[in-house]
Amino acid sequence: MRRPNLFIVGAGRSGTTTLYEWLKQHPDVFMSEVKGPNFFGEEPNPAFKEFHKNEKKYLSLFAKAGNKKILGEASHYFWSETAPKEIKKFNPEAKIIILLRHPMEIAYSYYKNGDIPNNIPFEESINLNTEDLKKMWEKLKFSRNLKNYLDAFGKKNVNIIFLDEMEKNPEKVYSVLCDFLRIDNRHPIKFEIHNKSRDLKNKWFLWVLEKLPTGFKLFLKSIIPKGKINKMRKSAINFTTQRQRKYSLKPDIRKKLNNRFKKEILVTGKFIGKDLSHWLK
């Protein structure tokens, strides 16, 4: 059975769903119906635990790929210490896509989603000393995580994309990505932004949806027209979440928080040869 050769590894909350949906529209690309199977790495995806370390089940996600050139998936492997080497061993010819955004924006997204304490102001929350915060700080060590993938796959097989560039100039980002994957960039696609940051309002219903068996979810996808599936998905999103209020900080607080991320931002920029000083303004 053919093995996937493209991995969108994260970072989380940085546009992975949008890129996944863009690539699904290309005739030479097959993206797994289950987004985020988390076969590799230390932790399973809570919604799809059955795929973690189960190669037979994992490969079944690509059984319908036919003769498409690119077989891909999108799991948040960017944070993982073990995933880069595991993926390299699994498919030495694999291509890696990494998406990045300002670490403070990622932290705020975790805050709004309740992954770190959100019963106090954000600027107070990230100063706490909790296990959740410690895990988040580890995830925001971009330079270390980038090095793990570049060491494993080499620069020519790793494509780094910034969320703000995706939003400002999607055509250009997509064209460069197609060149990276060696597929035709002239195929028209809809450049929609998916999975925008939203505030939870019905967490219990989201929990129920996540508990539904994966097989049942895939069965529904197979019998319900794609247009209706998309409408159902949007309805579920609107029921469980609401549009996130625009986040704004007083200049002095923003400066203080930027100082917290300054070293990592500058090291990351130097590491990949890109000026990220605008993130510090």
Protein backbone atom coordinates (compact mmCIF):
# COMPACT_ATOMS: atom_id res chain seq x y z
CA MET A 1 0.00 0.00 0.00
CA ARG A 2 1.27 3.46 -0.88
CA ARG A 3 2.52 5.65 1.93
CA PRO A 4 1.84 9.37 2.39
CA ASN A 5 4.64 11.60 1.13
CA LEU A 6 3.43 14.97 2.43
CA PHE A 7 3.06 16.01 6.06
CA ILE A 8 1.62 19.35 7.19
CA VAL A 9 3.06 19.19 10.71
CA GLY A 10 1.83 22.48 12.24
CA ALA A 11 2.42 24.62 14.17
CA GLY A 12 -1.04 24.41 15.69
CA ARG A 13 -3.37 27.41 15.39
CA SER A 14 -1.33 28.65 12.43
CA GLY A 15 -3.39 27.84 9.34
CA THR A 16 -2.97 24.07 8.99
CA THR A 17 -6.68 23.51 8.31
CA THR A 18 -6.73 26.21 5.63
CA LEU A 19 -3.74 24.74 3.83
CA TYR A 20 -5.20 21.24 4.14
CA GLU A 21 -8.42 22.44 2.49
CA TRP A 22 -6.54 24.26 -0.29
CA LEU A 23 -4.51 21.19 -1.19
CA LYS A 24 -7.58 18.93 -1.17
CA GLN A 25 -8.83 20.86 -4.21
CA HIS A 26 -5.81 20.01 -6.37
CA PRO A 27 -6.32 17.05 -8.78
CA ASP A 28 -2.82 15.69 -8.09
CA VAL A 29 -3.23 15.70 -4.30
CA PHE A 30 -5.04 13.30 -1.98
CA MET A 31 -5.39 14.50 1.60
CA SER A 32 -6.61 11.99 4.20
CA GLU A 33 -10.30 12.38 5.06
CA VAL A 34 -9.34 12.32 8.73
CA LYS A 35 -7.40 15.50 9.41
CA GLY A 36 -4.93 15.00 12.23
CA PRO A 37 -4.73 11.20 12.62
CA ASN A 38 -1.56 11.63 14.72
CA PHE A 39 -0.01 8.29 13.77
CA PHE A 40 3.46 9.51 14.75
CA GLY A 41 4.72 11.23 17.86
CA GLU A 42 4.19 10.77 21.57
CA GLU A 43 0.49 11.57 21.86
CA PRO A 44 -2.65 10.49 19.96
CA ASN A 45 -5.26 12.92 18.74
CA PRO A 46 -8.01 12.65 21.41
CA ALA A 47 -10.64 12.53 18.65
CA PHE A 48 -8.86 9.79 16.65
CA LYS A 49 -6.98 7.66 19.17
CA GLU A 50 -7.36 4.51 17.07
CA PHE A 51 -4.83 5.74 14.48
CA HIS A 52 -1.94 6.33 16.89
CA LYS A 53 0.82 3.78 16.16
CA ASN A 54 -1.64 1.58 14.24
CA GLU A 55 -0.06 1.37 10.78
CA LYS A 56 -2.77 -0.72 9.18
CA LYS A 57 -5.53 1.71 10.19
CA TYR A 58 -3.37 4.69 9.31
CA LEU A 59 -2.56 3.47 5.79
CA SER A 60 -6.25 2.71 5.20
CA LEU A 61 -6.78 6.49 5.18
CA PHE A 62 -4.95 6.60 1.83
CA ALA A 63 -6.49 3.51 0.21
CA LYS A 64 -8.58 5.61 -2.19
CA ALA A 65 -5.72 7.81 -3.38
CA GLY A 66 -5.49 6.06 -6.73
CA ASN A 67 -2.59 7.31 -8.84
CA LYS A 68 -2.45 10.81 -7.37
CA LYS A 69 1.08 12.15 -7.05
CA ILE A 70 0.82 13.57 -3.54
CA LEU A 71 -0.65 11.72 -0.56
CA GLY A 72 -0.82 13.96 2.47
CA GLU A 73 -2.10 14.46 5.98
CA ALA A 74 -2.09 17.26 8.55
CA SER A 75 -1.29 16.42 12.18
CA HIS A 76 0.33 18.65 14.77
CA TYR A 77 3.66 16.85 14.76
CA PHE A 78 5.65 20.10 14.95
CA TRP A 79 5.78 19.97 18.75
CA SER A 80 6.91 16.35 18.88
CA GLU A 81 10.46 15.33 19.76
CA THR A 82 10.11 11.90 18.15
CA ALA A 83 7.91 12.52 15.08
CA PRO A 84 10.61 13.97 12.73
CA LYS A 85 12.77 10.84 12.92
CA GLU A 86 9.72 8.55 12.85
CA ILE A 87 8.40 10.19 9.67
CA LYS A 88 11.86 10.08 8.07
CA LYS A 89 12.12 6.35 8.77
CA PHE A 90 8.56 5.78 7.54
CA ASN A 91 9.14 7.63 4.24
CA PRO A 92 12.63 9.06 3.60
CA GLU A 93 11.33 10.96 0.54
CA ALA A 94 8.59 12.81 2.43
CA LYS A 95 7.99 16.54 2.10
CA ILE A 96 7.32 18.62 5.21
CA ILE A 97 5.24 21.81 5.49
CA ILE A 98 5.52 23.97 8.61
CA LEU A 99 3.24 26.95 9.27
CA LEU A 100 4.14 29.69 11.73
CA ARG A 101 2.55 32.79 13.20
CA HIS A 102 3.42 35.19 16.01
CA PRO A 103 3.84 33.07 19.16
CA MET A 104 1.75 35.54 21.18
CA GLU A 105 -1.17 34.97 18.78
CA ILE A 106 -0.81 31.21 19.20
CA ALA A 107 -0.71 31.61 22.97
CA TYR A 108 -3.84 33.74 22.87
CA SER A 109 -5.62 31.13 20.79
CA TYR A 110 -4.75 28.50 23.41
CA TYR A 111 -6.05 30.90 26.06
CA LYS A 112 -9.39 31.46 24.31
CA ASN A 113 -9.80 27.73 23.74
CA GLY A 114 -9.31 27.01 27.43
CA ASP A 115 -6.08 25.05 26.95
CA ILE A 116 -4.44 27.42 29.41
CA PRO A 117 -6.32 29.22 32.24
CA ASN A 118 -8.78 31.74 30.77
CA ASN A 119 -10.70 32.81 33.86
CA ILE A 120 -8.29 35.73 34.29
CA PRO A 121 -6.91 38.30 31.79
CA PHE A 122 -4.59 36.85 29.16
CA GLU A 123 -1.57 38.89 30.25
CA GLU A 124 -1.98 37.45 33.77
CA SER A 125 -2.66 33.93 32.58
CA ILE A 126 0.64 33.51 30.76
CA ASN A 127 2.54 34.51 33.90
CA LEU A 128 1.18 31.55 35.86
CA ASN A 129 3.32 28.55 36.67
CA THR A 130 1.09 25.62 35.70
CA GLU A 131 1.73 22.39 33.79
CA ASP A 132 -0.45 23.61 30.91
CA LEU A 133 1.64 26.77 30.63
CA LYS A 134 4.88 24.78 30.74
CA LYS A 135 3.64 22.62 27.86
CA MET A 136 2.68 25.70 25.86
CA TRP A 137 6.10 27.33 26.33
CA GLU A 138 7.70 24.14 25.02
CA LYS A 139 5.45 24.25 21.96
CA LEU A 140 6.46 27.85 21.25
CA LYS A 141 10.15 26.99 20.99
CA PHE A 142 10.03 27.37 17.21
CA SER A 143 13.78 27.29 16.59
CA ARG A 144 14.26 23.96 18.37
CA ASN A 145 11.33 22.35 16.59
CA LEU A 146 12.40 23.73 13.20
CA LYS A 147 15.90 22.36 13.74
CA ASN A 148 14.51 18.88 14.40
CA TYR A 149 12.79 18.82 11.00
CA LEU A 150 15.59 20.49 9.06
CA ASP A 151 18.11 18.06 10.55
CA ALA A 152 15.91 15.11 9.59
CA PHE A 153 14.83 16.16 6.09
CA GLY A 154 17.15 18.93 4.91
CA LYS A 155 16.13 22.40 3.71
CA LYS A 156 15.05 21.28 0.24
CA ASN A 157 12.33 19.04 1.68
CA VAL A 158 10.94 21.50 4.25
CA ASN A 159 8.69 24.41 3.26
CA ILE A 160 8.00 27.09 5.90
CA ILE A 161 4.87 29.22 5.46
CA PHE A 162 3.73 32.18 7.58
CA LEU A 163 0.03 32.62 8.30
CA ASP A 164 0.08 36.38 7.71
CA GLU A 165 1.53 35.81 4.22
CA MET A 166 -1.16 33.21 3.49
CA GLU A 167 -3.83 35.75 4.38
CA LYS A 168 -2.26 38.67 2.50
CA ASN A 169 -1.17 36.90 -0.69
CA PRO A 170 -2.69 33.39 -0.92
CA GLU A 171 -2.02 33.07 -4.67
CA LYS A 172 1.70 33.62 -4.25
CA VAL A 173 1.97 31.25 -1.27
CA TYR A 174 0.03 28.60 -3.16
CA SER A 175 2.19 29.00 -6.28
CA VAL A 176 5.41 28.58 -4.27
CA LEU A 177 3.90 25.57 -2.51
CA CYS A 178 2.99 23.91 -5.82
CA ASP A 179 6.55 24.42 -7.04
CA PHE A 180 7.79 22.82 -3.82
CA LEU A 181 5.53 19.80 -4.44
CA ARG A 182 6.22 19.81 -8.20
CA ILE A 183 2.56 20.02 -9.16
CA ASP A 184 0.79 22.38 -11.56
CA ASN A 185 -0.05 25.72 -9.90
CA ARG A 186 -2.59 26.72 -12.57
CA HIS A 187 -5.44 24.63 -11.23
CA PRO A 188 -8.06 27.05 -9.83
CA ILE A 189 -8.94 26.73 -6.16
CA LYS A 190 -10.97 28.70 -3.64
CA PHE A 191 -8.68 30.55 -1.25
CA GLU A 192 -10.96 30.45 1.77
CA ILE A 193 -9.61 30.84 5.31
CA HIS A 194 -10.81 27.90 7.39
CA ASN A 195 -11.02 27.31 11.12
CA LYS A 196 -10.68 30.97 12.09
CA SER A 197 -10.06 31.61 15.77
CA ARG A 198 -13.36 31.52 17.63
CA ASP A 199 -14.55 31.51 21.23
CA LEU A 200 -16.14 28.37 22.65
CA LYS A 201 -19.77 28.68 23.76
CA ASN A 202 -21.06 25.07 23.82
CA LYS A 203 -18.08 22.99 24.88
CA TRP A 204 -20.28 20.04 25.87
CA PHE A 205 -21.61 19.66 22.30
CA LEU A 206 -18.06 19.81 20.90
CA TRP A 207 -17.12 17.06 23.36
CA VAL A 208 -20.00 14.90 22.08
CA LEU A 209 -18.90 15.41 18.45
CA GLU A 210 -15.34 14.40 19.29
CA LYS A 211 -16.57 11.22 20.98
CA LEU A 212 -18.38 9.99 17.85
CA PRO A 213 -16.54 6.94 16.39
CA THR A 214 -14.30 7.78 13.46
CA GLY A 215 -15.86 5.01 11.37
CA PHE A 216 -19.29 6.59 11.85
CA LYS A 217 -17.96 10.02 10.83
CA LEU A 218 -16.43 8.57 7.65
CA PHE A 219 -19.64 6.67 6.90
CA LEU A 220 -21.63 9.91 7.09
CA LYS A 221 -19.16 11.56 4.71
CA SER A 222 -19.60 8.69 2.24
CA ILE A 223 -23.42 8.90 2.08
CA ILE A 224 -24.07 12.63 2.48
CA PRO A 225 -23.31 14.98 -0.45
CA LYS A 226 -20.23 17.11 0.11
CA GLY A 227 -22.26 20.35 -0.09
CA LYS A 228 -24.53 19.22 2.73
CA ILE A 229 -21.55 17.99 4.78
CA ASN A 230 -20.00 21.46 4.54
CA LYS A 231 -23.28 23.09 5.63
CA MET A 232 -23.56 20.69 8.57
CA ARG A 233 -19.97 21.43 9.57
CA LYS A 234 -20.59 25.19 9.47
CA SER A 235 -23.77 24.77 11.53
CA ALA A 236 -21.87 22.74 14.13
CA ILE A 237 -19.12 25.38 14.27
CA ASN A 238 -21.67 28.18 14.72
CA PHE A 239 -23.45 26.22 17.46
CA THR A 240 -20.32 25.35 19.44
CA THR A 241 -18.39 28.60 18.94
CA GLN A 242 -18.85 32.29 18.27
CA ARG A 243 -16.77 34.84 16.41
CA GLN A 244 -13.77 35.75 18.51
CA ARG A 245 -13.65 39.31 19.69
CA LYS A 246 -10.75 41.23 18.25
CA TYR A 247 -7.89 41.06 20.71
CA SER A 248 -6.14 44.29 21.48
CA LEU A 249 -3.57 45.10 24.13
CA LYS A 250 -2.46 48.38 25.54
CA PRO A 251 0.91 49.32 23.99
CA ASP A 252 2.81 48.92 27.26
CA ILE A 253 1.38 45.45 27.87
CA ARG A 254 2.03 44.38 24.26
CA LYS A 255 5.63 45.57 24.57
CA LYS A 256 6.06 43.62 27.79
CA LEU A 257 4.67 40.45 26.23
CA ASN A 258 6.72 40.91 23.07
CA ASN A 259 9.83 41.08 25.23
CA ARG A 260 8.91 37.66 26.55
CA PHE A 261 8.96 36.24 23.02
CA LYS A 262 11.73 38.46 21.64
CA LYS A 263 14.64 36.06 22.00
CA GLU A 264 12.79 33.14 20.41
CA ILE A 265 11.50 35.32 17.55
CA LEU A 266 14.96 36.67 16.73
CA VAL A 267 16.61 33.25 16.98
CA THR A 268 13.93 31.73 14.74
CA GLY A 269 14.34 34.49 12.15
CA LYS A 270 18.10 34.07 12.10
CA PHE A 271 17.76 30.31 11.91
CA ILE A 272 15.60 30.39 8.76
CA GLY A 273 17.10 33.55 7.25
CA LYS A 274 13.97 35.69 7.50
CA ASP A 275 13.50 39.08 9.13
CA LEU A 276 10.79 38.71 11.80
CA SER A 277 11.38 42.07 13.46
CA HIS A 278 7.85 43.20 12.46
CA TRP A 279 6.54 40.70 15.02
CA LEU A 280 8.08 42.82 17.75
CA LYS A 281 6.26 46.04 16.89
